Structure formats: C-alpha cells, structure tokens
PDB file of N, CA and C in Angstrom:
ATOM      1  N   MET A   1      -0.281  -7.753   9.316  1.00  0.00           N
ATOM      2  CA  MET A   1       0.230  -7.265   7.922  1.00  0.00           C
ATOM      3  C   MET A   1      -0.931  -6.784   7.151  1.00  0.00           C
ATOM      4  N   TYR A   2      -0.882  -5.852   5.997  1.00  0.00           N
ATOM      5  CA  TYR A   2      -2.021  -5.224   5.259  1.00  0.00           C
ATOM      6  C   TYR A   2      -1.777  -5.122   4.001  1.00  0.00           C
ATOM      7  N   VAL A   3      -2.694  -5.472   3.185  1.00  0.00           N
ATOM      8  CA  VAL A   3      -2.648  -5.307   1.855  1.00  0.00           C
ATOM      9  C   VAL A   3      -3.661  -4.203   1.621  1.00  0.00           C
ATOM     10  N   VAL A   4      -3.075  -3.153   1.002  1.00  0.00           N
ATOM     11  CA  VAL A   4      -3.957  -1.977   0.561  1.00  0.00           C
ATOM     12  C   VAL A   4      -4.170  -2.107  -1.030  1.00  0.00           C
ATOM     13  N   SER A   5      -5.493  -1.943  -1.317  1.00  0.00           N
ATOM     14  CA  SER A   5      -5.878  -1.923  -2.843  1.00  0.00           C
ATOM     15  C   SER A   5      -6.446  -0.714  -3.191  1.00  0.00           C
ATOM     16  N   LEU A   6      -5.518  -0.044  -4.084  1.00  0.00           N
ATOM     17  CA  LEU A   6      -6.230   1.127  -4.699  1.00  0.00           C
ATOM     18  C   LEU A   6      -6.969   1.095  -5.992  1.00  0.00           C
ATOM     19  N   THR A   7      -8.183   1.414  -6.403  1.00  0.00           N
ATOM     20  CA  THR A   7      -8.841   1.717  -7.619  1.00  0.00           C
ATOM     21  C   THR A   7      -9.101   2.876  -8.133  1.00  0.00           C
ATOM     22  N   TYR A   8      -8.721   3.019  -9.175  1.00  0.00           N
ATOM     23  CA  TYR A   8      -8.783   4.523  -9.667  1.00  0.00           C
ATOM     24  C   TYR A   8     -10.531   4.725  -9.964  1.00  0.00           C
ATOM     25  N   LYS A   9     -10.527   6.020  -9.397  1.00  0.00           N
ATOM     26  CA  LYS A   9     -12.074   6.459  -9.586  1.00  0.00           C
ATOM     27  C   LYS A   9     -12.441   7.572 -10.622  1.00  0.00           C
ATOM     28  N   VAL A  10     -11.353   7.996 -11.389  1.00  0.00           N
ATOM     29  CA  VAL A  10     -11.243   8.856 -12.271  1.00  0.00           C
ATOM     30  C   VAL A  10     -10.706   8.606 -13.597  1.00  0.00           C
ATOM     31  N   ALA A  11     -10.412   9.391 -14.652  1.00  0.00           N
ATOM     32  CA  ALA A  11      -9.795   9.386 -15.865  1.00  0.00           C
ATOM     33  C   ALA A  11      -8.410   9.265 -15.598  1.00  0.00           C
ATOM     34  N   GLN A  12      -7.867   8.276 -16.680  1.00  0.00           N
ATOM     35  CA  GLN A  12      -6.406   8.245 -16.461  1.00  0.00           C
ATOM     36  C   GLN A  12      -5.601   9.618 -16.681  1.00  0.00           C
ATOM     37  N   ASP A  13      -6.032  10.547 -17.321  1.00  0.00           N
ATOM     38  CA  ASP A  13      -5.560  12.001 -17.352  1.00  0.00           C
ATOM     39  C   ASP A  13      -5.267  12.504 -15.761  1.00  0.00           C
ATOM     40  N   ILE A  14      -6.453  12.166 -15.228  1.00  0.00           N
ATOM     41  CA  ILE A  14      -6.647  12.819 -13.950  1.00  0.00           C
ATOM     42  C   ILE A  14      -5.624  12.146 -12.874  1.00  0.00           C
ATOM     43  N   VAL A  15      -5.647  10.771 -13.183  1.00  0.00           N
ATOM     44  CA  VAL A  15      -4.600  10.000 -12.400  1.00  0.00           C
ATOM     45  C   VAL A  15      -3.177  10.440 -12.818  1.00  0.00           C
ATOM     46  N   ASP A  16      -2.774  10.747 -14.007  1.00  0.00           N
ATOM     47  CA  ASP A  16      -1.361  11.062 -14.355  1.00  0.00           C
ATOM     48  C   ASP A  16      -1.252  12.540 -13.801  1.00  0.00           C
ATOM     49  N   TYR A  17      -2.156  13.358 -13.671  1.00  0.00           N
ATOM     50  CA  TYR A  17      -1.997  14.698 -13.293  1.00  0.00           C
ATOM     51  C   TYR A  17      -1.592  14.613 -11.734  1.00  0.00           C
ATOM     52  N   HIS A  18      -1.754  13.647 -10.858  1.00  0.00           N
ATOM     53  CA  HIS A  18      -1.623  13.699  -9.493  1.00  0.00           C
ATOM     54  C   HIS A  18      -0.213  12.562  -9.244  1.00  0.00           C
ATOM     55  N   LEU A  19       0.018  11.985 -10.262  1.00  0.00           N
ATOM     56  CA  LEU A  19       1.036  10.881  -9.959  1.00  0.00           C
ATOM     57  C   LEU A  19       2.317  11.125  -9.402  1.00  0.00           C
ATOM     58  N   ASP A  20       3.004  12.308  -9.985  1.00  0.00           N
ATOM     59  CA  ASP A  20       4.162  12.844  -9.319  1.00  0.00           C
ATOM     60  C   ASP A  20       4.150  13.074  -7.784  1.00  0.00           C
ATOM     61  N   ALA A  21       2.882  13.534  -7.460  1.00  0.00           N
ATOM     62  CA  ALA A  21       2.557  14.131  -5.827  1.00  0.00           C
ATOM     63  C   ALA A  21       2.565  12.689  -5.283  1.00  0.00           C
ATOM     64  N   HIS A  22       1.933  11.626  -5.766  1.00  0.00           N
ATOM     65  CA  HIS A  22       1.463  10.500  -4.915  1.00  0.00           C
ATOM     66  C   HIS A  22       2.897   9.582  -4.833  1.00  0.00           C
ATOM     67  N   VAL A  23       3.744   9.782  -6.043  1.00  0.00           N
ATOM     68  CA  VAL A  23       5.242   9.218  -6.071  1.00  0.00           C
ATOM     69  C   VAL A  23       5.970   9.629  -4.863  1.00  0.00           C
ATOM     70  N   ALA A  24       5.900  10.993  -4.838  1.00  0.00           N
ATOM     71  CA  ALA A  24       6.748  11.643  -3.720  1.00  0.00           C
ATOM     72  C   ALA A  24       6.162  11.267  -2.462  1.00  0.00           C
ATOM     73  N   TRP A  25       4.825  11.061  -2.299  1.00  0.00           N
ATOM     74  CA  TRP A  25       4.272  10.445  -0.869  1.00  0.00           C
ATOM     75  C   TRP A  25       4.757   9.386  -0.649  1.00  0.00           C
ATOM     76  N   LEU A  26       4.669   8.231  -1.655  1.00  0.00           N
ATOM     77  CA  LEU A  26       5.186   6.753  -1.374  1.00  0.00           C
ATOM     78  C   LEU A  26       6.744   7.111  -0.924  1.00  0.00           C
ATOM     79  N   LYS A  27       7.287   7.758  -1.605  1.00  0.00           N
ATOM     80  CA  LYS A  27       9.069   7.746  -1.353  1.00  0.00           C
ATOM     81  C   LYS A  27       9.082   8.094   0.080  1.00  0.00           C
ATOM     82  N   ASP A  28       8.311   9.040   0.550  1.00  0.00           N
ATOM     83  CA  ASP A  28       8.375   9.460   2.127  1.00  0.00           C
ATOM     84  C   ASP A  28       8.002   8.095   2.922  1.00  0.00           C
ATOM     85  N   ALA A  29       6.744   7.478   2.528  1.00  0.00           N
ATOM     86  CA  ALA A  29       6.253   6.460   3.379  1.00  0.00           C
ATOM     87  C   ALA A  29       7.151   5.355   3.285  1.00  0.00           C
ATOM     88  N   PHE A  30       7.992   5.033   2.415  1.00  0.00           N
ATOM     89  CA  PHE A  30       8.830   4.081   2.307  1.00  0.00           C
ATOM     90  C   PHE A  30       9.919   4.437   3.255  1.00  0.00           C
ATOM     91  N   ASP A  31      10.406   5.916   3.075  1.00  0.00           N
ATOM     92  CA  ASP A  31      11.702   6.207   4.074  1.00  0.00           C
ATOM     93  C   ASP A  31      11.004   6.020   5.492  1.00  0.00           C
ATOM     94  N   ASP A  32       9.830   6.099   5.741  1.00  0.00           N
ATOM     95  CA  ASP A  32       9.270   6.093   7.207  1.00  0.00           C
ATOM     96  C   ASP A  32       8.996   4.836   7.809  1.00  0.00           C
ATOM     97  N   GLY A  33       9.193   3.808   6.785  1.00  0.00           N
ATOM     98  CA  GLY A  33       8.973   1.935   7.093  1.00  0.00           C
ATOM     99  C   GLY A  33       7.556   1.790   7.095  1.00  0.00           C
ATOM    100  N   VAL A  34       6.608   2.451   6.515  1.00  0.00           N
ATOM    101  CA  VAL A  34       5.354   2.206   6.427  1.00  0.00           C
ATOM    102  C   VAL A  34       5.030   0.953   5.547  1.00  0.00           C
ATOM    103  N   PHE A  35       5.709   1.168   4.297  1.00  0.00           N
ATOM    104  CA  PHE A  35       5.485  -0.045   3.411  1.00  0.00           C
ATOM    105  C   PHE A  35       6.711  -0.726   2.792  1.00  0.00           C
ATOM    106  N   LEU A  36       6.486  -2.217   2.694  1.00  0.00           N
ATOM    107  CA  LEU A  36       7.045  -3.149   2.378  1.00  0.00           C
ATOM    108  C   LEU A  36       7.520  -3.210   0.785  1.00  0.00           C
ATOM    109  N   ALA A  37       6.280  -3.072   0.093  1.00  0.00           N
ATOM    110  CA  ALA A  37       6.139  -3.187  -1.360  1.00  0.00           C
ATOM    111  C   ALA A  37       5.039  -2.218  -1.879  1.00  0.00           C
ATOM    112  N   ALA A  38       5.047  -1.834  -3.263  1.00  0.00           N
ATOM    113  CA  ALA A  38       4.282  -0.904  -3.796  1.00  0.00           C
ATOM    114  C   ALA A  38       4.225  -1.432  -5.300  1.00  0.00           C
ATOM    115  N   GLY A  39       3.027  -1.196  -5.936  1.00  0.00           N
ATOM    116  CA  GLY A  39       3.269  -1.412  -7.378  1.00  0.00           C
ATOM    117  C   GLY A  39       1.741  -1.313  -8.097  1.00  0.00           C
ATOM    118  N   ARG A  40       1.753  -1.193  -9.444  1.00  0.00           N
ATOM    119  CA  ARG A  40       0.388  -0.670 -10.076  1.00  0.00           C
ATOM    120  C   ARG A  40      -0.131  -2.018 -10.624  1.00  0.00           C
ATOM    121  N   LYS A  41      -1.395  -1.776 -10.590  1.00  0.00           N
ATOM    122  CA  LYS A  41      -2.214  -3.124 -10.996  1.00  0.00           C
ATOM    123  C   LYS A  41      -1.956  -3.099 -12.607  1.00  0.00           C
ATOM    124  N   VAL A  42      -2.311  -4.592 -13.212  1.00  0.00           N
ATOM    125  CA  VAL A  42      -2.098  -4.757 -14.592  1.00  0.00           C
ATOM    126  C   VAL A  42      -3.401  -5.626 -15.130  1.00  0.00           C
ATOM    127  N   PRO A  43      -4.066  -4.607 -15.838  1.00  0.00           N
ATOM    128  CA  PRO A  43      -4.031  -3.391 -16.474  1.00  0.00           C
ATOM    129  C   PRO A  43      -4.118  -2.399 -15.270  1.00  0.00           C
ATOM    130  N   ARG A  44      -3.587  -1.119 -15.615  1.00  0.00           N
ATOM    131  CA  ARG A  44      -3.385   0.063 -14.901  1.00  0.00           C
ATOM    132  C   ARG A  44      -4.968   0.648 -14.204  1.00  0.00           C
ATOM    133  N   THR A  45      -5.319  -0.037 -13.357  1.00  0.00           N
ATOM    134  CA  THR A  45      -6.634   0.536 -12.648  1.00  0.00           C
ATOM    135  C   THR A  45      -6.551   0.975 -11.328  1.00  0.00           C
ATOM    136  N   GLY A  46      -5.111   0.580 -10.780  1.00  0.00           N
ATOM    137  CA  GLY A  46      -4.926   1.123  -9.409  1.00  0.00           C
ATOM    138  C   GLY A  46      -3.602   0.462  -9.196  1.00  0.00           C
ATOM    139  N   GLY A  47      -3.702   0.341  -7.698  1.00  0.00           N
ATOM    140  CA  GLY A  47      -2.405  -0.107  -7.325  1.00  0.00           C
ATOM    141  C   GLY A  47      -2.414  -1.085  -5.937  1.00  0.00           C
ATOM    142  N   LEU A  48      -1.494  -1.651  -5.630  1.00  0.00           N
ATOM    143  CA  LEU A  48      -1.570  -2.513  -4.366  1.00  0.00           C
ATOM    144  C   LEU A  48      -0.203  -1.977  -3.450  1.00  0.00           C
ATOM    145  N   LEU A  49      -0.562  -1.704  -2.126  1.00  0.00           N
ATOM    146  CA  LEU A  49       0.520  -1.725  -1.163  1.00  0.00           C
ATOM    147  C   LEU A  49       0.590  -2.659   0.069  1.00  0.00           C
ATOM    148  N   LEU A  50       1.699  -3.036   0.339  1.00  0.00           N
ATOM    149  CA  LEU A  50       1.941  -3.950   1.351  1.00  0.00           C
ATOM    150  C   LEU A  50       2.698  -3.307   2.520  1.00  0.00           C
ATOM    151  N   SER A  51       1.866  -3.392   3.747  1.00  0.00           N
ATOM    152  CA  SER A  51       2.473  -2.710   4.843  1.00  0.00           C
ATOM    153  C   SER A  51       2.467  -3.880   6.050  1.00  0.00           C
ATOM    154  N   LYS A  52       3.436  -3.661   7.084  1.00  0.00           N
ATOM    155  CA  LYS A  52       3.566  -4.495   8.155  1.00  0.00           C
ATOM    156  C   LYS A  52       3.553  -3.496   9.392  1.00  0.00           C
ATOM    157  N   THR A  53       3.335  -2.176   9.444  1.00  0.00           N
ATOM    158  CA  THR A  53       2.974  -1.347  10.198  1.00  0.00           C
ATOM    159  C   THR A  53       1.508  -1.741  11.073  1.00  0.00           C
ATOM    160  N   ASP A  54       1.448  -0.851  12.157  1.00  0.00           N
ATOM    161  CA  ASP A  54       0.056  -1.140  12.801  1.00  0.00           C
ATOM    162  C   ASP A  54      -0.906  -0.191  12.182  1.00  0.00           C
ATOM    163  N   ARG A  55      -2.051  -0.435  12.312  1.00  0.00           N
ATOM    164  CA  ARG A  55      -3.365   0.125  11.566  1.00  0.00           C
ATOM    165  C   ARG A  55      -3.238   1.729  11.813  1.00  0.00           C
ATOM    166  N   GLU A  56      -3.034   2.135  12.972  1.00  0.00           N
ATOM    167  CA  GLU A  56      -3.160   3.564  13.103  1.00  0.00           C
ATOM    168  C   GLU A  56      -2.150   4.423  12.250  1.00  0.00           C
ATOM    169  N   THR A  57      -0.822   3.670  12.225  1.00  0.00           N
ATOM    170  CA  THR A  57       0.155   4.557  11.510  1.00  0.00           C
ATOM    171  C   THR A  57      -0.111   4.431   9.920  1.00  0.00           C
ATOM    172  N   LEU A  58      -0.712   3.233   9.498  1.00  0.00           N
ATOM    173  CA  LEU A  58      -1.032   3.023   8.235  1.00  0.00           C
ATOM    174  C   LEU A  58      -2.211   4.152   7.751  1.00  0.00           C
ATOM    175  N   ASP A  59      -3.171   4.057   8.604  1.00  0.00           N
ATOM    176  CA  ASP A  59      -4.240   5.020   8.332  1.00  0.00           C
ATOM    177  C   ASP A  59      -3.739   6.411   8.034  1.00  0.00           C
ATOM    178  N   ALA A  60      -2.950   6.848   9.093  1.00  0.00           N
ATOM    179  CA  ALA A  60      -2.690   8.234   9.095  1.00  0.00           C
ATOM    180  C   ALA A  60      -1.442   8.489   7.950  1.00  0.00           C
ATOM    181  N   SER A  61      -0.829   7.625   7.459  1.00  0.00           N
ATOM    182  CA  SER A  61      -0.243   7.600   6.115  1.00  0.00           C
ATOM    183  C   SER A  61      -1.147   7.645   5.100  1.00  0.00           C
ATOM    184  N   LEU A  62      -1.997   6.832   4.711  1.00  0.00           N
ATOM    185  CA  LEU A  62      -2.818   6.770   3.678  1.00  0.00           C
ATOM    186  C   LEU A  62      -3.884   8.067   3.541  1.00  0.00           C
ATOM    187  N   ALA A  63      -3.933   8.715   4.725  1.00  0.00           N
ATOM    188  CA  ALA A  63      -4.756  10.112   4.901  1.00  0.00           C
ATOM    189  C   ALA A  63      -3.872  11.257   3.929  1.00  0.00           C
ATOM    190  N   LYS A  64      -2.602  11.032   4.065  1.00  0.00           N
ATOM    191  CA  LYS A  64      -1.770  12.012   3.424  1.00  0.00           C
ATOM    192  C   LYS A  64      -1.657  11.674   1.840  1.00  0.00           C
ATOM    193  N   ASP A  65      -1.953  10.708   1.426  1.00  0.00           N
ATOM    194  CA  ASP A  65      -1.704  10.243  -0.266  1.00  0.00           C
ATOM    195  C   ASP A  65      -2.534  11.396  -0.784  1.00  0.00           C
ATOM    196  N   PRO A  66      -1.968  11.982  -1.913  1.00  0.00           N
ATOM    197  CA  PRO A  66      -2.625  12.732  -2.846  1.00  0.00           C
ATOM    198  C   PRO A  66      -3.773  12.285  -3.563  1.00  0.00           C
ATOM    199  N   PHE A  67      -3.337  10.866  -3.753  1.00  0.00           N
ATOM    200  CA  PHE A  67      -4.855  10.159  -4.384  1.00  0.00           C
ATOM    201  C   PHE A  67      -5.911  10.104  -3.559  1.00  0.00           C
ATOM    202  N   TYR A  68      -5.580  10.139  -2.378  1.00  0.00           N
ATOM    203  CA  TYR A  68      -6.811   9.962  -1.188  1.00  0.00           C
ATOM    204  C   TYR A  68      -7.223  11.289  -1.209  1.00  0.00           C
ATOM    205  N   ILE A  69      -6.518  12.303  -0.829  1.00  0.00           N
ATOM    206  CA  ILE A  69      -6.854  13.720  -0.867  1.00  0.00           C
ATOM    207  C   ILE A  69      -7.651  14.233  -1.756  1.00  0.00           C
ATOM    208  N   ASN A  70      -7.177  14.052  -3.213  1.00  0.00           N
ATOM    209  CA  ASN A  70      -8.135  14.427  -4.415  1.00  0.00           C
ATOM    210  C   ASN A  70      -9.106  13.520  -4.809  1.00  0.00           C
ATOM    211  N   GLY A  71      -9.494  12.498  -4.031  1.00  0.00           N
ATOM    212  CA  GLY A  71     -10.563  11.448  -4.442  1.00  0.00           C
ATOM    213  C   GLY A  71     -10.145  10.787  -5.811  1.00  0.00           C
ATOM    214  N   VAL A  72      -8.902  10.741  -6.136  1.00  0.00           N
ATOM    215  CA  VAL A  72      -8.527   9.860  -7.295  1.00  0.00           C
ATOM    216  C   VAL A  72      -8.528   8.538  -7.171  1.00  0.00           C
ATOM    217  N   ALA A  73      -8.546   7.951  -6.226  1.00  0.00           N
ATOM    218  CA  ALA A  73      -8.669   6.492  -6.070  1.00  0.00           C
ATOM    219  C   ALA A  73      -9.516   5.808  -4.622  1.00  0.00           C
ATOM    220  N   GLU A  74     -10.105   4.859  -4.799  1.00  0.00           N
ATOM    221  CA  GLU A  74     -10.694   4.398  -3.510  1.00  0.00           C
ATOM    222  C   GLU A  74      -9.810   3.257  -2.927  1.00  0.00           C
ATOM    223  N   PHE A  75      -9.738   3.296  -1.581  1.00  0.00           N
ATOM    224  CA  PHE A  75      -8.761   2.622  -0.878  1.00  0.00           C
ATOM    225  C   PHE A  75      -9.665   1.451  -0.004  1.00  0.00           C
ATOM    226  N   GLU A  76      -9.016   0.318  -0.410  1.00  0.00           N
ATOM    227  CA  GLU A  76      -9.627  -0.717   0.565  1.00  0.00           C
ATOM    228  C   GLU A  76      -8.375  -1.682   1.308  1.00  0.00           C
ATOM    229  N   VAL A  77      -8.496  -1.445   2.990  1.00  0.00           N
ATOM    230  CA  VAL A  77      -7.385  -2.154   3.640  1.00  0.00           C
ATOM    231  C   VAL A  77      -7.940  -3.416   3.943  1.00  0.00           C
ATOM    232  N   ILE A  78      -7.063  -4.475   3.638  1.00  0.00           N
ATOM    233  CA  ILE A  78      -7.288  -5.653   3.995  1.00  0.00           C
ATOM    234  C   ILE A  78      -6.334  -6.233   5.135  1.00  0.00           C
ATOM    235  N   GLU A  79      -6.639  -6.797   6.191  1.00  0.00           N
ATOM    236  CA  GLU A  79      -5.685  -7.102   7.049  1.00  0.00           C
ATOM    237  C   GLU A  79      -5.337  -8.632   6.744  1.00  0.00           C
ATOM    238  N   PHE A  80      -4.110  -9.062   6.830  1.00  0.00           N
ATOM    239  CA  PHE A  80      -3.675 -10.438   6.275  1.00  0.00           C
ATOM    240  C   PHE A  80      -2.586 -10.706   7.354  1.00  0.00           C
ATOM    241  N   ALA A  81      -2.991 -12.130   8.112  1.00  0.00           N
ATOM    242  CA  ALA A  81      -1.910 -12.803   8.823  1.00  0.00           C
ATOM    243  C   ALA A  81      -1.360 -14.032   8.000  1.00  0.00           C
ATOM    244  N   ALA A  82      -0.053 -13.449   7.774  1.00  0.00           N
ATOM    245  CA  ALA A  82       0.788 -14.587   6.874  1.00  0.00           C
ATOM    246  C   ALA A  82       1.257 -15.551   8.125  1.00  0.00           C
ATOM    247  N   ASN A  83       1.242 -16.904   7.572  1.00  0.00           N
ATOM    248  CA  ASN A  83       1.483 -17.879   8.384  1.00  0.00           C
ATOM    249  C   ASN A  83       2.402 -18.884   7.605  1.00  0.00           C
ATOM    250  N   ARG A  84       2.571 -18.728   6.363  1.00  0.00           N
ATOM    251  CA  ARG A  84       3.612 -19.495   5.442  1.00  0.00           C
ATOM    252  C   ARG A  84       4.089 -18.527   4.552  1.00  0.00           C
ATOM    253  N   VAL A  85       5.478 -18.522   4.339  1.00  0.00           N
ATOM    254  CA  VAL A  85       6.291 -17.831   3.345  1.00  0.00           C
ATOM    255  C   VAL A  85       7.359 -18.623   2.759  1.00  0.00           C
ATOM    256  N   ALA A  86       7.937 -18.133   1.518  1.00  0.00           N
ATOM    257  CA  ALA A  86       9.110 -18.595   1.050  1.00  0.00           C
ATOM    258  C   ALA A  86      10.227 -18.449   1.818  1.00  0.00           C
ATOM    259  N   PRO A  87      11.454 -19.300   1.836  1.00  0.00           N
ATOM    260  CA  PRO A  87      12.452 -18.835   2.469  1.00  0.00           C
ATOM    261  C   PRO A  87      13.053 -17.591   2.106  1.00  0.00           C
ATOM    262  N   GLY A  88      13.410 -16.705   3.083  1.00  0.00           N
ATOM    263  CA  GLY A  88      14.032 -15.549   2.681  1.00  0.00           C
ATOM    264  C   GLY A  88      12.994 -14.444   3.189  1.00  0.00           C
ATOM    265  N   PHE A  89      11.555 -14.642   3.334  1.00  0.00           N
ATOM    266  CA  PHE A  89      10.609 -13.643   3.631  1.00  0.00           C
ATOM    267  C   PHE A  89      10.194 -13.870   5.060  1.00  0.00           C
ATOM    268  N   GLU A  90      10.869 -14.641   6.031  1.00  0.00           N
ATOM    269  CA  GLU A  90      10.336 -14.776   7.517  1.00  0.00           C
ATOM    270  C   GLU A  90      10.041 -13.702   8.046  1.00  0.00           C
ATOM    271  N   ASN A  91      10.464 -12.584   7.637  1.00  0.00           N
ATOM    272  CA  ASN A  91      10.145 -11.339   8.358  1.00  0.00           C
ATOM    273  C   ASN A  91       8.630 -10.699   7.967  1.00  0.00           C
ATOM    274  N   LEU A  92       8.014 -11.645   6.948  1.00  0.00           N
ATOM    275  CA  LEU A  92       6.620 -11.266   6.965  1.00  0.00           C
ATOM    276  C   LEU A  92       5.659 -12.207   7.560  1.00  0.00           C
ATOM    277  N   LEU A  93       6.179 -13.239   8.551  1.00  0.00           N
ATOM    278  CA  LEU A  93       5.269 -14.012   9.183  1.00  0.00           C
ATOM    279  C   LEU A  93       4.601 -13.023  10.294  1.00  0.00           C
ATOM    280  N   ASP A  94       3.447 -13.514  10.568  1.00  0.00           N
ATOM    281  CA  ASP A  94       2.628 -12.765  11.676  1.00  0.00           C
ATOM    282  C   ASP A  94       3.129 -13.223  12.920  1.00  0.00           C
ATOM    283  N   GLU A  95       3.605 -14.236  13.181  1.00  0.00           N
ATOM    284  CA  GLU A  95       4.238 -14.877  14.395  1.00  0.00           C
ATOM    285  C   GLU A  95       5.710 -15.541  13.710  1.00  0.00           C
ATOM    286  N   PRO A  96       6.738 -14.482  13.929  1.00  0.00           N
ATOM    287  CA  PRO A  96       7.975 -15.239  13.332  1.00  0.00           C
ATOM    288  C   PRO A  96       8.366 -16.466  14.046  1.00  0.00           C
ATOM    289  N   GLY A  97       9.134 -17.399  13.166  1.00  0.00           N
ATOM    290  CA  GLY A  97       9.486 -18.704  13.927  1.00  0.00           C
ATOM    291  C   GLY A  97       8.235 -19.883  13.772  1.00  0.00           C
ATOM    292  N   LEU A  98       7.143 -19.278  13.310  1.00  0.00           N
ATOM    293  CA  LEU A  98       5.968 -20.161  13.185  1.00  0.00           C
ATOM    294  C   LEU A  98       5.649 -20.381  11.683  1.00  0.00           C
ATOM    295  N   GLN A  99       5.463 -21.560  11.370  1.00  0.00           N
ATOM    296  CA  GLN A  99       4.941 -21.676   9.969  1.00  0.00           C
ATOM    297  C   GLN A  99       4.062 -22.882   9.959  1.00  0.00           C
ATOM    298  N   ASN A 100       2.963 -22.777   9.661  1.00  0.00           N
ATOM    299  CA  ASN A 100       1.770 -23.575   9.865  1.00  0.00           C
ATOM    300  C   ASN A 100       1.507 -24.326   8.336  1.00  0.00           C
TER     301      ASN A 100
END
C-alpha cells in the first residue's frame, strides 16, 4: 500500500487555478481503482492519497495529475505494509488474514 503526500510549492491562487483539473484527474483515478482515499491536509498545505495498487500503476497515474504536470505540488510516495487494521478494514492488510 502507498501513502502519497502532496505539498504545495506555489501560492494558493495558483493551486486554486489548477484545482478543477486536479479533481477531474482524481475522479478518473478513483474510477480506475488507483486510490482508496484522498483528502486535503489541515491546514491546506497539500493533500494525502491512499493507494493499494502496484507502484508502476501508481506512478503512471501520478504523472497525469495536473498538480504534477504544472509543478503545483511536490509528491512523496511512502510504501506502507499494514499489519493491523480496525474491523471492517481487512482489505487494507498487506497479507489478508494476518494481523500481528
């Protein structure tokens, strides 16, 4: 699983200028099954994405994000192996059926 941290590199008005295109890209990526969750940081300095796809698919999708293409945000991809989850979130386990 991957956590992607986006940190804005530009002024908020530039972020807002590209926001509609970024949201459209997110919708397509969710429709394609790339992401499980997405949201903004509080305070609004960027966002977080959660993905359980493979790294190649994730990287290919991120490369299409208007925030990436236009240099709006810095992207940090962190690999995360979930070995404990709350009831109902077993699909997030790195190895289903195993909780350490």
